[in-house]
Amino acid sequence: MENLSFEQSLEKLETIVHELENGSIELDKAIEKYTEAMKLVKSCSEKLNEATDKVNKILKENGELVDFSIENNEE
């Protein structure tokens, strides 16, 4: 599951949600699907947090990553 892209994980999560909403799968299978969905949610959340951290940083001329601040851009 770790090697799935964010988009692939989200697509798989959507598929599982539709299967669970349909209500036509057995309870044991539904529990397995729910567990898989929770792992996908965690993975997506971690990837979003990583992306947020990257977006909140800017690359200075010397290559050093620093926290983004509007005040830094008004110079």
PDB file of N, CA and C in Angstrom:
ATOM      1  N   MET A   1       0.817  -1.197   0.000  1.00  0.00           N
ATOM      2  CA  MET A   1       0.000   0.000   0.000  1.00  0.00           C
ATOM      3  C   MET A   1       0.860   1.260   0.000  1.00  0.00           C
ATOM      4  N   GLU A   2       2.041   1.170   0.575  1.00  0.00           N
ATOM      5  CA  GLU A   2       2.942   2.319   0.638  1.00  0.00           C
ATOM      6  C   GLU A   2       3.406   2.771  -0.744  1.00  0.00           C
ATOM      7  N   ASN A   3       3.437   1.864  -1.704  1.00  0.00           N
ATOM      8  CA  ASN A   3       3.955   2.232  -3.014  1.00  0.00           C
ATOM      9  C   ASN A   3       2.882   2.815  -3.936  1.00  0.00           C
ATOM     10  N   LEU A   4       1.652   2.950  -3.448  1.00  0.00           N
ATOM     11  CA  LEU A   4       0.598   3.563  -4.249  1.00  0.00           C
ATOM     12  C   LEU A   4       0.741   5.078  -4.202  1.00  0.00           C
ATOM     13  N   SER A   5       0.449   5.712  -5.318  1.00  0.00           N
ATOM     14  CA  SER A   5       0.436   7.176  -5.330  1.00  0.00           C
ATOM     15  C   SER A   5      -0.796   7.657  -4.562  1.00  0.00           C
ATOM     16  N   PHE A   6      -0.818   8.933  -4.255  1.00  0.00           N
ATOM     17  CA  PHE A   6      -1.974   9.508  -3.570  1.00  0.00           C
ATOM     18  C   PHE A   6      -3.241   9.263  -4.385  1.00  0.00           C
ATOM     19  N   GLU A   7      -3.154   9.495  -5.676  1.00  0.00           N
ATOM     20  CA  GLU A   7      -4.315   9.342  -6.552  1.00  0.00           C
ATOM     21  C   GLU A   7      -4.787   7.896  -6.601  1.00  0.00           C
ATOM     22  N   GLN A   8      -3.847   6.944  -6.654  1.00  0.00           N
ATOM     23  CA  GLN A   8      -4.206   5.533  -6.668  1.00  0.00           C
ATOM     24  C   GLN A   8      -4.862   5.128  -5.346  1.00  0.00           C
ATOM     25  N   SER A   9      -4.309   5.613  -4.251  1.00  0.00           N
ATOM     26  CA  SER A   9      -4.876   5.309  -2.933  1.00  0.00           C
ATOM     27  C   SER A   9      -6.284   5.872  -2.817  1.00  0.00           C
ATOM     28  N   LEU A  10      -6.473   7.094  -3.281  1.00  0.00           N
ATOM     29  CA  LEU A  10      -7.788   7.730  -3.217  1.00  0.00           C
ATOM     30  C   LEU A  10      -8.799   6.979  -4.078  1.00  0.00           C
ATOM     31  N   GLU A  11      -8.384   6.555  -5.243  1.00  0.00           N
ATOM     32  CA  GLU A  11      -9.269   5.800  -6.131  1.00  0.00           C
ATOM     33  C   GLU A  11      -9.678   4.474  -5.487  1.00  0.00           C
ATOM     34  N   LYS A  12      -8.710   3.791  -4.891  1.00  0.00           N
ATOM     35  CA  LYS A  12      -8.992   2.528  -4.225  1.00  0.00           C
ATOM     36  C   LYS A  12      -9.921   2.749  -3.038  1.00  0.00           C
ATOM     37  N   LEU A  13      -9.704   3.826  -2.307  1.00  0.00           N
ATOM     38  CA  LEU A  13     -10.557   4.166  -1.172  1.00  0.00           C
ATOM     39  C   LEU A  13     -11.995   4.421  -1.634  1.00  0.00           C
ATOM     40  N   GLU A  14     -12.148   5.144  -2.728  1.00  0.00           N
ATOM     41  CA  GLU A  14     -13.486   5.413  -3.264  1.00  0.00           C
ATOM     42  C   GLU A  14     -14.191   4.123  -3.662  1.00  0.00           C
ATOM     43  N   THR A  15     -13.450   3.193  -4.245  1.00  0.00           N
ATOM     44  CA  THR A  15     -14.017   1.903  -4.637  1.00  0.00           C
ATOM     45  C   THR A  15     -14.515   1.143  -3.410  1.00  0.00           C
ATOM     46  N   ILE A  16     -13.700   1.140  -2.357  1.00  0.00           N
ATOM     47  CA  ILE A  16     -14.084   0.443  -1.127  1.00  0.00           C
ATOM     48  C   ILE A  16     -15.332   1.077  -0.516  1.00  0.00           C
ATOM     49  N   VAL A  17     -15.385   2.404  -0.501  1.00  0.00           N
ATOM     50  CA  VAL A  17     -16.546   3.096   0.047  1.00  0.00           C
ATOM     51  C   VAL A  17     -17.806   2.708  -0.714  1.00  0.00           C
ATOM     52  N   HIS A  18     -17.727   2.656  -2.036  1.00  0.00           N
ATOM     53  CA  HIS A  18     -18.892   2.265  -2.842  1.00  0.00           C
ATOM     54  C   HIS A  18     -19.304   0.827  -2.535  1.00  0.00           C
ATOM     55  N   GLU A  19     -18.324  -0.056  -2.370  1.00  0.00           N
ATOM     56  CA  GLU A  19     -18.634  -1.450  -2.045  1.00  0.00           C
ATOM     57  C   GLU A  19     -19.334  -1.543  -0.691  1.00  0.00           C
ATOM     58  N   LEU A  20     -18.841  -0.788   0.290  1.00  0.00           N
ATOM     59  CA  LEU A  20     -19.440  -0.817   1.625  1.00  0.00           C
ATOM     60  C   LEU A  20     -20.833  -0.184   1.623  1.00  0.00           C
ATOM     61  N   GLU A  21     -21.001   0.884   0.866  1.00  0.00           N
ATOM     62  CA  GLU A  21     -22.310   1.546   0.779  1.00  0.00           C
ATOM     63  C   GLU A  21     -23.342   0.659   0.108  1.00  0.00           C
ATOM     64  N   ASN A  22     -22.875  -0.166  -0.823  1.00  0.00           N
ATOM     65  CA  ASN A  22     -23.768  -1.056  -1.545  1.00  0.00           C
ATOM     66  C   ASN A  22     -24.418  -2.059  -0.588  1.00  0.00           C
ATOM     67  N   GLY A  23     -23.675  -2.476   0.431  1.00  0.00           N
ATOM     68  CA  GLY A  23     -24.232  -3.369   1.442  1.00  0.00           C
ATOM     69  C   GLY A  23     -24.399  -4.802   1.019  1.00  0.00           C
ATOM     70  N   SER A  24     -23.824  -5.171  -0.109  1.00  0.00           N
ATOM     71  CA  SER A  24     -24.019  -6.528  -0.607  1.00  0.00           C
ATOM     72  C   SER A  24     -22.881  -7.481  -0.257  1.00  0.00           C
ATOM     73  N   ILE A  25     -21.907  -7.027   0.530  1.00  0.00           N
ATOM     74  CA  ILE A  25     -20.807  -7.914   0.895  1.00  0.00           C
ATOM     75  C   ILE A  25     -21.017  -8.437   2.316  1.00  0.00           C
ATOM     76  N   GLU A  26     -20.484  -9.611   2.563  1.00  0.00           N
ATOM     77  CA  GLU A  26     -20.633 -10.246   3.871  1.00  0.00           C
ATOM     78  C   GLU A  26     -19.905  -9.448   4.948  1.00  0.00           C
ATOM     79  N   LEU A  27     -20.323  -9.632   6.189  1.00  0.00           N
ATOM     80  CA  LEU A  27     -19.779  -8.877   7.308  1.00  0.00           C
ATOM     81  C   LEU A  27     -18.269  -9.034   7.430  1.00  0.00           C
ATOM     82  N   ASP A  28     -17.757 -10.261   7.346  1.00  0.00           N
ATOM     83  CA  ASP A  28     -16.311 -10.476   7.465  1.00  0.00           C
ATOM     84  C   ASP A  28     -15.549  -9.741   6.375  1.00  0.00           C
ATOM     85  N   LYS A  29     -16.076  -9.781   5.158  1.00  0.00           N
ATOM     86  CA  LYS A  29     -15.447  -9.080   4.041  1.00  0.00           C
ATOM     87  C   LYS A  29     -15.547  -7.571   4.244  1.00  0.00           C
ATOM     88  N   ALA A  30     -16.668  -7.101   4.768  1.00  0.00           N
ATOM     89  CA  ALA A  30     -16.854  -5.671   5.028  1.00  0.00           C
ATOM     90  C   ALA A  30     -15.840  -5.182   6.061  1.00  0.00           C
ATOM     91  N   ILE A  31     -15.568  -5.990   7.081  1.00  0.00           N
ATOM     92  CA  ILE A  31     -14.584  -5.617   8.099  1.00  0.00           C
ATOM     93  C   ILE A  31     -13.194  -5.529   7.479  1.00  0.00           C
ATOM     94  N   GLU A  32     -12.864  -6.472   6.606  1.00  0.00           N
ATOM     95  CA  GLU A  32     -11.572  -6.435   5.901  1.00  0.00           C
ATOM     96  C   GLU A  32     -11.465  -5.179   5.047  1.00  0.00           C
ATOM     97  N   LYS A  33     -12.539  -4.872   4.336  1.00  0.00           N
ATOM     98  CA  LYS A  33     -12.548  -3.677   3.476  1.00  0.00           C
ATOM     99  C   LYS A  33     -12.428  -2.405   4.306  1.00  0.00           C
ATOM    100  N   TYR A  34     -13.109  -2.365   5.449  1.00  0.00           N
ATOM    101  CA  TYR A  34     -13.044  -1.202   6.327  1.00  0.00           C
ATOM    102  C   TYR A  34     -11.621  -1.013   6.850  1.00  0.00           C
ATOM    103  N   THR A  35     -10.988  -2.110   7.243  1.00  0.00           N
ATOM    104  CA  THR A  35      -9.605  -2.049   7.736  1.00  0.00           C
ATOM    105  C   THR A  35      -8.675  -1.542   6.640  1.00  0.00           C
ATOM    106  N   GLU A  36      -8.855  -2.043   5.437  1.00  0.00           N
ATOM    107  CA  GLU A  36      -8.044  -1.580   4.305  1.00  0.00           C
ATOM    108  C   GLU A  36      -8.287  -0.099   4.036  1.00  0.00           C
ATOM    109  N   ALA A  37      -9.539   0.320   4.145  1.00  0.00           N
ATOM    110  CA  ALA A  37      -9.883   1.724   3.919  1.00  0.00           C
ATOM    111  C   ALA A  37      -9.201   2.620   4.945  1.00  0.00           C
ATOM    112  N   MET A  38      -9.169   2.187   6.195  1.00  0.00           N
ATOM    113  CA  MET A  38      -8.529   2.994   7.243  1.00  0.00           C
ATOM    114  C   MET A  38      -7.024   3.117   6.990  1.00  0.00           C
ATOM    115  N   LYS A  39      -6.398   2.073   6.481  1.00  0.00           N
ATOM    116  CA  LYS A  39      -4.976   2.139   6.129  1.00  0.00           C
ATOM    117  C   LYS A  39      -4.757   3.114   4.979  1.00  0.00           C
ATOM    118  N   LEU A  40      -5.677   3.097   4.016  1.00  0.00           N
ATOM    119  CA  LEU A  40      -5.584   4.023   2.886  1.00  0.00           C
ATOM    120  C   LEU A  40      -5.779   5.464   3.342  1.00  0.00           C
ATOM    121  N   VAL A  41      -6.716   5.682   4.255  1.00  0.00           N
ATOM    122  CA  VAL A  41      -6.951   7.027   4.798  1.00  0.00           C
ATOM    123  C   VAL A  41      -5.689   7.528   5.484  1.00  0.00           C
ATOM    124  N   LYS A  42      -5.057   6.675   6.280  1.00  0.00           N
ATOM    125  CA  LYS A  42      -3.826   7.062   6.970  1.00  0.00           C
ATOM    126  C   LYS A  42      -2.734   7.408   5.965  1.00  0.00           C
ATOM    127  N   SER A  43      -2.589   6.571   4.944  1.00  0.00           N
ATOM    128  CA  SER A  43      -1.571   6.805   3.922  1.00  0.00           C
ATOM    129  C   SER A  43      -1.829   8.128   3.191  1.00  0.00           C
ATOM    130  N   CYS A  44      -3.084   8.378   2.806  1.00  0.00           N
ATOM    131  CA  CYS A  44      -3.430   9.620   2.118  1.00  0.00           C
ATOM    132  C   CYS A  44      -3.174  10.827   3.014  1.00  0.00           C
ATOM    133  N   SER A  45      -3.523  10.699   4.271  1.00  0.00           N
ATOM    134  CA  SER A  45      -3.309  11.790   5.217  1.00  0.00           C
ATOM    135  C   SER A  45      -1.825  12.111   5.354  1.00  0.00           C
ATOM    136  N   GLU A  46      -0.999  11.074   5.461  1.00  0.00           N
ATOM    137  CA  GLU A  46       0.443  11.284   5.571  1.00  0.00           C
ATOM    138  C   GLU A  46       0.999  11.950   4.318  1.00  0.00           C
ATOM    139  N   LYS A  47       0.522  11.510   3.153  1.00  0.00           N
ATOM    140  CA  LYS A  47       0.999  12.100   1.899  1.00  0.00           C
ATOM    141  C   LYS A  47       0.562  13.557   1.778  1.00  0.00           C
ATOM    142  N   LEU A  48      -0.651  13.863   2.224  1.00  0.00           N
ATOM    143  CA  LEU A  48      -1.115  15.255   2.197  1.00  0.00           C
ATOM    144  C   LEU A  48      -0.301  16.117   3.149  1.00  0.00           C
ATOM    145  N   ASN A  49       0.012  15.584   4.312  1.00  0.00           N
ATOM    146  CA  ASN A  49       0.840  16.335   5.262  1.00  0.00           C
ATOM    147  C   ASN A  49       2.220  16.608   4.693  1.00  0.00           C
ATOM    148  N   GLU A  50       2.802  15.609   4.018  1.00  0.00           N
ATOM    149  CA  GLU A  50       4.113  15.798   3.392  1.00  0.00           C
ATOM    150  C   GLU A  50       4.038  16.868   2.309  1.00  0.00           C
ATOM    151  N   ALA A  51       2.985  16.812   1.499  1.00  0.00           N
ATOM    152  CA  ALA A  51       2.819  17.797   0.431  1.00  0.00           C
ATOM    153  C   ALA A  51       2.626  19.193   1.007  1.00  0.00           C
ATOM    154  N   THR A  52       1.863  19.288   2.076  1.00  0.00           N
ATOM    155  CA  THR A  52       1.650  20.577   2.735  1.00  0.00           C
ATOM    156  C   THR A  52       2.963  21.149   3.242  1.00  0.00           C
ATOM    157  N   ASP A  53       3.773  20.291   3.853  1.00  0.00           N
ATOM    158  CA  ASP A  53       5.076  20.747   4.346  1.00  0.00           C
ATOM    159  C   ASP A  53       5.940  21.273   3.206  1.00  0.00           C
ATOM    160  N   LYS A  54       5.925  20.578   2.059  1.00  0.00           N
ATOM    161  CA  LYS A  54       6.728  21.008   0.910  1.00  0.00           C
ATOM    162  C   LYS A  54       6.222  22.335   0.343  1.00  0.00           C
ATOM    163  N   VAL A  55       4.893  22.473   0.287  1.00  0.00           N
ATOM    164  CA  VAL A  55       4.307  23.702  -0.257  1.00  0.00           C
ATOM    165  C   VAL A  55       4.602  24.885   0.654  1.00  0.00           C
ATOM    166  N   ASN A  56       4.678  24.628   1.959  1.00  0.00           N
ATOM    167  CA  ASN A  56       4.922  25.701   2.924  1.00  0.00           C
ATOM    168  C   ASN A  56       6.383  26.098   3.004  1.00  0.00           C
ATOM    169  N   LYS A  57       7.210  25.572   2.177  1.00  0.00           N
ATOM    170  CA  LYS A  57       8.630  25.936   2.149  1.00  0.00           C
ATOM    171  C   LYS A  57       8.963  26.531   0.779  1.00  0.00           C
ATOM    172  N   ILE A  58       9.912  27.416   0.772  1.00  0.00           N
ATOM    173  CA  ILE A  58      10.379  27.969  -0.498  1.00  0.00           C
ATOM    174  C   ILE A  58      11.882  27.742  -0.605  1.00  0.00           C
ATOM    175  N   LEU A  59      12.355  27.725  -1.821  1.00  0.00           N
ATOM    176  CA  LEU A  59      13.771  27.523  -2.058  1.00  0.00           C
ATOM    177  C   LEU A  59      14.455  28.873  -2.233  1.00  0.00           C
ATOM    178  N   LYS A  60      15.376  29.166  -1.333  1.00  0.00           N
ATOM    179  CA  LYS A  60      16.128  30.417  -1.416  1.00  0.00           C
ATOM    180  C   LYS A  60      17.231  30.272  -2.468  1.00  0.00           C
ATOM    181  N   GLU A  61      17.839  31.359  -2.836  1.00  0.00           N
ATOM    182  CA  GLU A  61      18.881  31.351  -3.864  1.00  0.00           C
ATOM    183  C   GLU A  61      20.034  30.416  -3.516  1.00  0.00           C
ATOM    184  N   ASN A  62      20.353  30.275  -2.253  1.00  0.00           N
ATOM    185  CA  ASN A  62      21.471  29.421  -1.872  1.00  0.00           C
ATOM    186  C   ASN A  62      21.063  27.956  -1.730  1.00  0.00           C
ATOM    187  N   GLY A  63      19.802  27.637  -2.050  1.00  0.00           N
ATOM    188  CA  GLY A  63      19.342  26.261  -2.007  1.00  0.00           C
ATOM    189  C   GLY A  63      18.814  25.820  -0.659  1.00  0.00           C
ATOM    190  N   GLU A  64      18.816  26.711   0.313  1.00  0.00           N
ATOM    191  CA  GLU A  64      18.335  26.368   1.646  1.00  0.00           C
ATOM    192  C   GLU A  64      16.812  26.455   1.675  1.00  0.00           C
ATOM    193  N   LEU A  65      16.151  25.429   2.221  1.00  0.00           N
ATOM    194  CA  LEU A  65      14.706  25.462   2.376  1.00  0.00           C
ATOM    195  C   LEU A  65      14.360  26.217   3.650  1.00  0.00           C
ATOM    196  N   VAL A  66      13.432  27.152   3.530  1.00  0.00           N
ATOM    197  CA  VAL A  66      12.988  27.905   4.694  1.00  0.00           C
ATOM    198  C   VAL A  66      11.467  27.933   4.716  1.00  0.00           C
ATOM    199  N   ASP A  67      10.897  28.160   5.896  1.00  0.00           N
ATOM    200  CA  ASP A  67       9.453  28.284   6.003  1.00  0.00           C
ATOM    201  C   ASP A  67       8.980  29.481   5.201  1.00  0.00           C
ATOM    202  N   PHE A  68       7.872  29.314   4.510  1.00  0.00           N
ATOM    203  CA  PHE A  68       7.300  30.377   3.705  1.00  0.00           C
ATOM    204  C   PHE A  68       6.613  31.393   4.607  1.00  0.00           C
ATOM    205  N   SER A  69       6.825  32.634   4.316  1.00  0.00           N
ATOM    206  CA  SER A  69       6.180  33.710   5.065  1.00  0.00           C
ATOM    207  C   SER A  69       5.889  34.840   4.098  1.00  0.00           C
ATOM    208  N   ILE A  70       4.703  35.390   4.170  1.00  0.00           N
ATOM    209  CA  ILE A  70       4.328  36.484   3.283  1.00  0.00           C
ATOM    210  C   ILE A  70       5.256  37.664   3.485  1.00  0.00           C
ATOM    211  N   GLU A  71       5.650  37.901   4.712  1.00  0.00           N
ATOM    212  CA  GLU A  71       6.545  39.018   5.007  1.00  0.00           C
ATOM    213  C   GLU A  71       7.864  38.882   4.261  1.00  0.00           C
ATOM    214  N   ASN A  72       8.354  37.656   4.053  1.00  0.00           N
ATOM    215  CA  ASN A  72       9.613  37.437   3.334  1.00  0.00           C
ATOM    216  C   ASN A  72       9.504  37.810   1.859  1.00  0.00           C
ATOM    217  N   ASN A  73       8.298  37.762   1.318  1.00  0.00           N
ATOM    218  CA  ASN A  73       8.104  38.021  -0.107  1.00  0.00           C
ATOM    219  C   ASN A  73       7.841  39.486  -0.421  1.00  0.00           C
ATOM    220  N   GLU A  74       7.689  40.321   0.587  1.00  0.00           N
ATOM    221  CA  GLU A  74       7.381  41.735   0.351  1.00  0.00           C
ATOM    222  C   GLU A  74       8.635  42.556   0.121  1.00  0.00           C
ATOM    223  N   GLU A  75       9.793  41.956   0.191  1.00  0.00           N
ATOM    224  CA  GLU A  75      11.051  42.687   0.041  1.00  0.00           C
ATOM    225  C   GLU A  75      11.283  43.131  -1.373  1.00  0.00           C
TER     226      GLU A  75
END
